[in-house]
Amino acid sequence: MTSPKTFATRAVSPVHGRLAIFGMAVAVAISIDLHLRLSGQVSPIWQTLSEYVYGYLSPGSTAAPLFGAMCLALGFGSLALLGGIAKAHRGGYESVLVLLGVWCAGLLVLALVPVDPEGQARSLAGQIHNYAALVAFLALPAAAWLLTRPGRARCPWEPRRTMIRRLSVASFAAVVIVLGGFVWTMLTGPSQQEVTLGLFERLLFAVDLTLLATMVRPLLSHR
């Protein structure tokens, strides 16, 4: 019969955990680089992260590939987390895996489909970008919330249940604020923008990174 200690050892995946941390670290490094190099072109207060695609790193060289690399790195790290959860739980976590898959797919869309330039008419590509972002940023906290449902026997995430759920609520709240800001801007026009979309979206980005890191931590534990 499998002992509790053996079960706990098997219920983690250090390789997936390290890959997840690596992907997240690369995404954070690229994000910092974009903020520093494009500080004079993209306002971190009023403009969203997606608008870095229209910044110029040098004459004739846009930051679009770098932004895409940031999304792909975060998607890679999230996919590693998904793999770690799948390895730790062989059944009963299908909804968590599906939602994390939606989050990863959304990041892929964000990397490949650019947002509409500020002040220009909305295009099909821009709408796809916006809806993919909305679905992705709702899927992640939903996955985290379901991951920590009560009643999971010997669940590696149980010790961090309170923190994960608090971060999930914070993520949902940030999404609501950002979505409300977008709706307000659509109704009143960019000239009447009163919600600092860029600031709140960066807050959402920070909360979600912290949430992902908290979800990854049990994968690195051998206890």
C-alpha atoms as a PDB file:
ATOM      1  CA  MET A   1       0.000   0.000   0.000  1.00  0.00           C
ATOM      2  CA  THR A   2       1.265   3.497  -0.874  1.00  0.00           C
ATOM      3  CA  SER A   3       2.337   5.430   2.207  1.00  0.00           C
ATOM      4  CA  PRO A   4       1.366   9.097   2.655  1.00  0.00           C
ATOM      5  CA  LYS A   5       4.997  10.085   2.246  1.00  0.00           C
ATOM      6  CA  THR A   6       5.289   8.211  -1.054  1.00  0.00           C
ATOM      7  CA  PHE A   7       2.043   9.766  -2.280  1.00  0.00           C
ATOM      8  CA  ALA A   8       3.223  13.269  -1.449  1.00  0.00           C
ATOM      9  CA  THR A   9       6.524  12.691  -3.240  1.00  0.00           C
ATOM     10  CA  ARG A  10       4.747  11.499  -6.348  1.00  0.00           C
ATOM     11  CA  ALA A  11       2.216  14.324  -6.220  1.00  0.00           C
ATOM     12  CA  VAL A  12       4.786  16.903  -7.292  1.00  0.00           C
ATOM     13  CA  SER A  13       6.863  17.458 -10.414  1.00  0.00           C
ATOM     14  CA  PRO A  14      10.058  19.492  -9.932  1.00  0.00           C
ATOM     15  CA  VAL A  15      10.860  19.430 -13.666  1.00  0.00           C
ATOM     16  CA  HIS A  16       7.532  20.991 -14.582  1.00  0.00           C
ATOM     17  CA  GLY A  17       7.930  23.435 -11.718  1.00  0.00           C
ATOM     18  CA  ARG A  18      11.359  24.595 -12.883  1.00  0.00           C
ATOM     19  CA  LEU A  19      10.148  24.956 -16.465  1.00  0.00           C
ATOM     20  CA  ALA A  20       7.186  27.000 -15.252  1.00  0.00           C
ATOM     21  CA  ILE A  21       9.407  29.311 -13.211  1.00  0.00           C
ATOM     22  CA  PHE A  22      11.788  29.686 -16.158  1.00  0.00           C
ATOM     23  CA  GLY A  23       8.986  30.717 -18.517  1.00  0.00           C
ATOM     24  CA  MET A  24       7.558  33.162 -16.010  1.00  0.00           C
ATOM     25  CA  ALA A  25      10.993  34.658 -15.287  1.00  0.00           C
ATOM     26  CA  VAL A  26      11.618  35.228 -19.005  1.00  0.00           C
ATOM     27  CA  ALA A  27       8.211  36.900 -19.355  1.00  0.00           C
ATOM     28  CA  VAL A  28       8.928  39.199 -16.400  1.00  0.00           C
ATOM     29  CA  ALA A  29      12.384  40.074 -17.771  1.00  0.00           C
ATOM     30  CA  ILE A  30      10.909  40.982 -21.166  1.00  0.00           C
ATOM     31  CA  SER A  31       8.153  43.002 -19.512  1.00  0.00           C
ATOM     32  CA  ILE A  32      10.694  45.021 -17.516  1.00  0.00           C
ATOM     33  CA  ASP A  33      12.751  45.558 -20.668  1.00  0.00           C
ATOM     34  CA  LEU A  34       9.711  46.851 -22.568  1.00  0.00           C
ATOM     35  CA  HIS A  35       8.793  49.221 -19.748  1.00  0.00           C
ATOM     36  CA  LEU A  36      12.300  50.649 -19.543  1.00  0.00           C
ATOM     37  CA  ARG A  37      13.033  50.952 -23.251  1.00  0.00           C
ATOM     38  CA  LEU A  38       9.615  52.263 -24.281  1.00  0.00           C
ATOM     39  CA  SER A  39       8.846  54.468 -21.292  1.00  0.00           C
ATOM     40  CA  GLY A  40       8.730  57.536 -23.528  1.00  0.00           C
ATOM     41  CA  GLN A  41       6.377  55.948 -26.062  1.00  0.00           C
ATOM     42  CA  VAL A  42       3.870  53.863 -24.093  1.00  0.00           C
ATOM     43  CA  SER A  43       2.346  55.194 -20.884  1.00  0.00           C
ATOM     44  CA  PRO A  44       2.236  52.553 -18.143  1.00  0.00           C
ATOM     45  CA  ILE A  45      -0.637  54.521 -16.592  1.00  0.00           C
ATOM     46  CA  TRP A  46      -2.990  54.988 -19.524  1.00  0.00           C
ATOM     47  CA  GLN A  47      -1.960  52.458 -22.156  1.00  0.00           C
ATOM     48  CA  THR A  48      -2.244  48.680 -21.971  1.00  0.00           C
ATOM     49  CA  LEU A  49       0.559  46.153 -22.243  1.00  0.00           C
ATOM     50  CA  SER A  50      -0.705  45.103 -25.665  1.00  0.00           C
ATOM     51  CA  GLU A  51       0.079  48.552 -27.046  1.00  0.00           C
ATOM     52  CA  TYR A  52       3.798  47.869 -26.749  1.00  0.00           C
ATOM     53  CA  VAL A  53       3.501  46.222 -30.173  1.00  0.00           C
ATOM     54  CA  TYR A  54       3.369  49.725 -31.668  1.00  0.00           C
ATOM     55  CA  GLY A  55       6.441  50.989 -29.837  1.00  0.00           C
ATOM     56  CA  TYR A  56       9.776  51.298 -31.645  1.00  0.00           C
ATOM     57  CA  LEU A  57      12.971  49.879 -30.178  1.00  0.00           C
ATOM     58  CA  SER A  58      14.934  51.504 -32.992  1.00  0.00           C
ATOM     59  CA  PRO A  59      14.071  53.144 -36.331  1.00  0.00           C
ATOM     60  CA  GLY A  60      12.152  50.579 -38.357  1.00  0.00           C
ATOM     61  CA  SER A  61      12.130  47.994 -35.559  1.00  0.00           C
ATOM     62  CA  THR A  62       8.913  47.622 -33.578  1.00  0.00           C
ATOM     63  CA  ALA A  63       8.552  45.938 -30.211  1.00  0.00           C
ATOM     64  CA  ALA A  64       5.893  43.541 -31.543  1.00  0.00           C
ATOM     65  CA  PRO A  65       8.218  40.490 -31.626  1.00  0.00           C
ATOM     66  CA  LEU A  66       9.371  41.203 -28.083  1.00  0.00           C
ATOM     67  CA  PHE A  67       5.802  41.505 -26.817  1.00  0.00           C
ATOM     68  CA  GLY A  68       4.949  38.272 -28.608  1.00  0.00           C
ATOM     69  CA  ALA A  69       7.939  36.573 -26.988  1.00  0.00           C
ATOM     70  CA  MET A  70       6.730  37.746 -23.565  1.00  0.00           C
ATOM     71  CA  CYS A  71       3.296  36.190 -24.116  1.00  0.00           C
ATOM     72  CA  LEU A  72       4.796  32.969 -25.465  1.00  0.00           C
ATOM     73  CA  ALA A  73       7.210  32.689 -22.526  1.00  0.00           C
ATOM     74  CA  LEU A  74       4.358  33.111 -20.058  1.00  0.00           C
ATOM     75  CA  GLY A  75       2.325  30.601 -22.038  1.00  0.00           C
ATOM     76  CA  PHE A  76       5.225  28.139 -21.943  1.00  0.00           C
ATOM     77  CA  GLY A  77       5.514  28.511 -18.178  1.00  0.00           C
ATOM     78  CA  SER A  78       1.757  28.105 -17.765  1.00  0.00           C
ATOM     79  CA  LEU A  79       1.777  25.015 -19.973  1.00  0.00           C
ATOM     80  CA  ALA A  80       4.486  23.536 -17.756  1.00  0.00           C
ATOM     81  CA  LEU A  81       2.275  24.236 -14.730  1.00  0.00           C
ATOM     82  CA  LEU A  82      -0.595  22.498 -16.505  1.00  0.00           C
ATOM     83  CA  GLY A  83       1.623  19.486 -17.132  1.00  0.00           C
ATOM     84  CA  GLY A  84       2.697  19.413 -13.494  1.00  0.00           C
ATOM     85  CA  ILE A  85      -0.886  19.493 -12.255  1.00  0.00           C
ATOM     86  CA  ALA A  86      -1.834  16.745 -14.704  1.00  0.00           C
ATOM     87  CA  LYS A  87       1.015  14.610 -13.385  1.00  0.00           C
ATOM     88  CA  ALA A  88       0.182  15.270  -9.745  1.00  0.00           C
ATOM     89  CA  HIS A  89      -3.535  14.567 -10.184  1.00  0.00           C
ATOM     90  CA  ARG A  90      -4.529  11.831 -12.581  1.00  0.00           C
ATOM     91  CA  GLY A  91      -8.241  12.349 -12.129  1.00  0.00           C
ATOM     92  CA  GLY A  92     -10.776  14.868 -10.857  1.00  0.00           C
ATOM     93  CA  TYR A  93      -8.959  17.970 -12.103  1.00  0.00           C
ATOM     94  CA  GLU A  94     -10.133  17.976 -15.703  1.00  0.00           C
ATOM     95  CA  SER A  95     -11.863  21.359 -15.344  1.00  0.00           C
ATOM     96  CA  VAL A  96      -8.669  22.908 -13.948  1.00  0.00           C
ATOM     97  CA  LEU A  97      -6.647  21.567 -16.858  1.00  0.00           C
ATOM     98  CA  VAL A  98      -9.196  22.803 -19.394  1.00  0.00           C
ATOM     99  CA  LEU A  99      -9.225  26.301 -17.899  1.00  0.00           C
ATOM    100  CA  LEU A 100      -5.423  26.433 -17.803  1.00  0.00           C
ATOM    101  CA  GLY A 101      -5.450  25.284 -21.417  1.00  0.00           C
ATOM    102  CA  VAL A 102      -7.786  28.174 -22.265  1.00  0.00           C
ATOM    103  CA  TRP A 103      -5.395  30.562 -20.470  1.00  0.00           C
ATOM    104  CA  CYS A 104      -2.451  29.218 -22.501  1.00  0.00           C
ATOM    105  CA  ALA A 105      -4.409  29.409 -25.769  1.00  0.00           C
ATOM    106  CA  GLY A 106      -5.395  32.985 -24.979  1.00  0.00           C
ATOM    107  CA  LEU A 107      -1.754  33.947 -24.468  1.00  0.00           C
ATOM    108  CA  LEU A 108      -0.932  32.415 -27.850  1.00  0.00           C
ATOM    109  CA  VAL A 109      -3.639  34.524 -29.500  1.00  0.00           C
ATOM    110  CA  LEU A 110      -2.356  37.659 -27.747  1.00  0.00           C
ATOM    111  CA  ALA A 111       1.141  36.916 -29.062  1.00  0.00           C
ATOM    112  CA  LEU A 112      -0.016  36.473 -32.661  1.00  0.00           C
ATOM    113  CA  VAL A 113      -2.949  38.879 -33.054  1.00  0.00           C
ATOM    114  CA  PRO A 114      -2.241  42.554 -32.301  1.00  0.00           C
ATOM    115  CA  VAL A 115      -4.568  44.953 -30.546  1.00  0.00           C
ATOM    116  CA  ASP A 116      -6.000  47.868 -32.536  1.00  0.00           C
ATOM    117  CA  PRO A 117      -3.863  51.033 -32.462  1.00  0.00           C
ATOM    118  CA  GLU A 118      -5.166  53.710 -30.119  1.00  0.00           C
ATOM    119  CA  GLY A 119      -7.705  56.001 -31.778  1.00  0.00           C
ATOM    120  CA  GLN A 120      -8.307  53.802 -34.822  1.00  0.00           C
ATOM    121  CA  ALA A 121     -11.471  51.977 -35.859  1.00  0.00           C
ATOM    122  CA  ARG A 122     -11.946  48.542 -34.350  1.00  0.00           C
ATOM    123  CA  SER A 123     -10.931  45.669 -36.610  1.00  0.00           C
ATOM    124  CA  LEU A 124     -11.738  41.963 -36.526  1.00  0.00           C
ATOM    125  CA  ALA A 125      -8.176  41.193 -35.398  1.00  0.00           C
ATOM    126  CA  GLY A 126      -8.426  43.743 -32.610  1.00  0.00           C
ATOM    127  CA  GLN A 127     -11.722  42.276 -31.429  1.00  0.00           C
ATOM    128  CA  ILE A 128     -10.225  38.781 -31.422  1.00  0.00           C
ATOM    129  CA  HIS A 129      -7.321  40.098 -29.350  1.00  0.00           C
ATOM    130  CA  ASN A 130      -9.642  41.756 -26.831  1.00  0.00           C
ATOM    131  CA  TYR A 131     -11.950  38.771 -26.406  1.00  0.00           C
ATOM    132  CA  ALA A 132      -9.020  36.366 -26.142  1.00  0.00           C
ATOM    133  CA  ALA A 133      -7.548  38.534 -23.388  1.00  0.00           C
ATOM    134  CA  LEU A 134     -10.859  38.659 -21.511  1.00  0.00           C
ATOM    135  CA  VAL A 135     -11.414  34.902 -21.690  1.00  0.00           C
ATOM    136  CA  ALA A 136      -7.816  34.145 -20.723  1.00  0.00           C
ATOM    137  CA  PHE A 137      -7.769  36.480 -17.733  1.00  0.00           C
ATOM    138  CA  LEU A 138     -11.025  34.979 -16.473  1.00  0.00           C
ATOM    139  CA  ALA A 139      -9.889  31.397 -17.037  1.00  0.00           C
ATOM    140  CA  LEU A 140      -6.740  31.639 -14.906  1.00  0.00           C
ATOM    141  CA  PRO A 141      -8.320  32.653 -11.571  1.00  0.00           C
ATOM    142  CA  ALA A 142     -11.186  30.239 -12.236  1.00  0.00           C
ATOM    143  CA  ALA A 143      -8.659  27.417 -12.649  1.00  0.00           C
ATOM    144  CA  ALA A 144      -6.868  28.434  -9.462  1.00  0.00           C
ATOM    145  CA  TRP A 145     -10.144  28.558  -7.518  1.00  0.00           C
ATOM    146  CA  LEU A 146     -11.170  25.076  -8.672  1.00  0.00           C
ATOM    147  CA  LEU A 147      -7.692  23.724  -7.951  1.00  0.00           C
ATOM    148  CA  THR A 148      -8.210  24.443  -4.264  1.00  0.00           C
ATOM    149  CA  ARG A 149     -11.727  23.118  -3.831  1.00  0.00           C
ATOM    150  CA  PRO A 150     -12.245  21.623  -0.347  1.00  0.00           C
ATOM    151  CA  GLY A 151     -12.339  17.890   0.065  1.00  0.00           C
ATOM    152  CA  ARG A 152      -9.277  17.030  -2.033  1.00  0.00           C
ATOM    153  CA  ALA A 153      -7.507  14.361   0.002  1.00  0.00           C
ATOM    154  CA  ARG A 154      -3.790  14.999   0.451  1.00  0.00           C
ATOM    155  CA  CYS A 155      -3.844  17.785  -2.149  1.00  0.00           C
ATOM    156  CA  PRO A 156      -0.390  19.440  -2.566  1.00  0.00           C
ATOM    157  CA  TRP A 157      -2.115  22.823  -2.984  1.00  0.00           C
ATOM    158  CA  GLU A 158      -4.141  22.574   0.234  1.00  0.00           C
ATOM    159  CA  PRO A 159      -1.508  24.360   2.426  1.00  0.00           C
ATOM    160  CA  ARG A 160      -1.693  27.355   0.060  1.00  0.00           C
ATOM    161  CA  ARG A 161      -5.442  27.254  -0.424  1.00  0.00           C
ATOM    162  CA  THR A 162      -6.138  30.557   1.359  1.00  0.00           C
ATOM    163  CA  MET A 163      -3.435  32.463  -0.522  1.00  0.00           C
ATOM    164  CA  ILE A 164      -4.440  31.031  -3.899  1.00  0.00           C
ATOM    165  CA  ARG A 165      -8.092  31.889  -3.328  1.00  0.00           C
ATOM    166  CA  ARG A 166      -7.316  35.423  -2.180  1.00  0.00           C
ATOM    167  CA  LEU A 167      -5.201  35.991  -5.281  1.00  0.00           C
ATOM    168  CA  SER A 168      -7.984  34.524  -7.432  1.00  0.00           C
ATOM    169  CA  VAL A 169     -10.468  37.012  -5.981  1.00  0.00           C
ATOM    170  CA  ALA A 170      -7.989  39.862  -6.517  1.00  0.00           C
ATOM    171  CA  SER A 171      -7.517  38.743 -10.117  1.00  0.00           C
ATOM    172  CA  PHE A 172     -11.260  38.620 -10.759  1.00  0.00           C
ATOM    173  CA  ALA A 173     -11.657  42.088  -9.217  1.00  0.00           C
ATOM    174  CA  ALA A 174      -8.888  43.520 -11.410  1.00  0.00           C
ATOM    175  CA  VAL A 175     -10.500  41.996 -14.511  1.00  0.00           C
ATOM    176  CA  VAL A 176     -13.818  43.632 -13.618  1.00  0.00           C
ATOM    177  CA  ILE A 177     -12.135  47.022 -13.193  1.00  0.00           C
ATOM    178  CA  VAL A 178     -10.229  46.736 -16.479  1.00  0.00           C
ATOM    179  CA  LEU A 179     -13.328  45.527 -18.336  1.00  0.00           C
ATOM    180  CA  GLY A 180     -15.364  48.363 -16.868  1.00  0.00           C
ATOM    181  CA  GLY A 181     -12.697  50.807 -18.016  1.00  0.00           C
ATOM    182  CA  PHE A 182     -12.834  49.434 -21.558  1.00  0.00           C
ATOM    183  CA  VAL A 183     -16.618  49.680 -21.637  1.00  0.00           C
ATOM    184  CA  TRP A 184     -16.481  53.260 -20.337  1.00  0.00           C
ATOM    185  CA  THR A 185     -13.901  54.205 -22.976  1.00  0.00           C
ATOM    186  CA  MET A 186     -16.025  52.627 -25.720  1.00  0.00           C
ATOM    187  CA  LEU A 187     -19.094  54.565 -24.591  1.00  0.00           C
ATOM    188  CA  THR A 188     -17.461  57.947 -23.996  1.00  0.00           C
ATOM    189  CA  GLY A 189     -14.444  57.873 -26.320  1.00  0.00           C
ATOM    190  CA  PRO A 190     -10.699  57.921 -25.571  1.00  0.00           C
ATOM    191  CA  SER A 191     -10.746  61.659 -24.893  1.00  0.00           C
ATOM    192  CA  GLN A 192     -13.012  61.038 -21.877  1.00  0.00           C
ATOM    193  CA  GLN A 193     -10.956  58.184 -20.443  1.00  0.00           C
ATOM    194  CA  GLU A 194     -11.018  58.414 -16.662  1.00  0.00           C
ATOM    195  CA  VAL A 195     -10.012  54.876 -15.661  1.00  0.00           C
ATOM    196  CA  THR A 196      -6.261  54.294 -15.773  1.00  0.00           C
ATOM    197  CA  LEU A 197      -6.476  51.115 -17.855  1.00  0.00           C
ATOM    198  CA  GLY A 198      -2.734  50.706 -18.154  1.00  0.00           C
ATOM    199  CA  LEU A 199      -2.149  50.881 -14.415  1.00  0.00           C
ATOM    200  CA  PHE A 200      -4.948  48.456 -13.543  1.00  0.00           C
ATOM    201  CA  GLU A 201      -3.933  46.031 -16.295  1.00  0.00           C
ATOM    202  CA  ARG A 202      -0.383  45.995 -14.963  1.00  0.00           C
ATOM    203  CA  LEU A 203      -1.796  45.368 -11.494  1.00  0.00           C
ATOM    204  CA  LEU A 204      -3.744  42.448 -12.973  1.00  0.00           C
ATOM    205  CA  PHE A 205      -0.566  41.176 -14.639  1.00  0.00           C
ATOM    206  CA  ALA A 206       1.311  41.324 -11.330  1.00  0.00           C
ATOM    207  CA  VAL A 207      -1.488  39.568  -9.431  1.00  0.00           C
ATOM    208  CA  ASP A 208      -1.675  36.795 -12.023  1.00  0.00           C
ATOM    209  CA  LEU A 209       2.086  36.288 -11.981  1.00  0.00           C
ATOM    210  CA  THR A 210       1.947  35.965  -8.195  1.00  0.00           C
ATOM    211  CA  LEU A 211      -0.975  33.566  -8.517  1.00  0.00           C
ATOM    212  CA  LEU A 212       0.921  31.416 -11.019  1.00  0.00           C
ATOM    213  CA  ALA A 213       4.023  31.387  -8.821  1.00  0.00           C
ATOM    214  CA  THR A 214       1.926  30.307  -5.827  1.00  0.00           C
ATOM    215  CA  MET A 215       0.390  27.512  -7.888  1.00  0.00           C
ATOM    216  CA  VAL A 216       3.817  26.393  -9.092  1.00  0.00           C
ATOM    217  CA  ARG A 217       5.416  26.229  -5.642  1.00  0.00           C
ATOM    218  CA  PRO A 218       3.977  22.800  -4.643  1.00  0.00           C
ATOM    219  CA  LEU A 219       5.442  21.298  -7.812  1.00  0.00           C
ATOM    220  CA  LEU A 220       8.914  22.099  -6.480  1.00  0.00           C
ATOM    221  CA  SER A 221       8.306  20.569  -3.061  1.00  0.00           C
ATOM    222  CA  HIS A 222       9.397  17.050  -2.181  1.00  0.00           C
ATOM    223  CA  ARG A 223       7.536  16.908   1.101  1.00  0.00           C
END
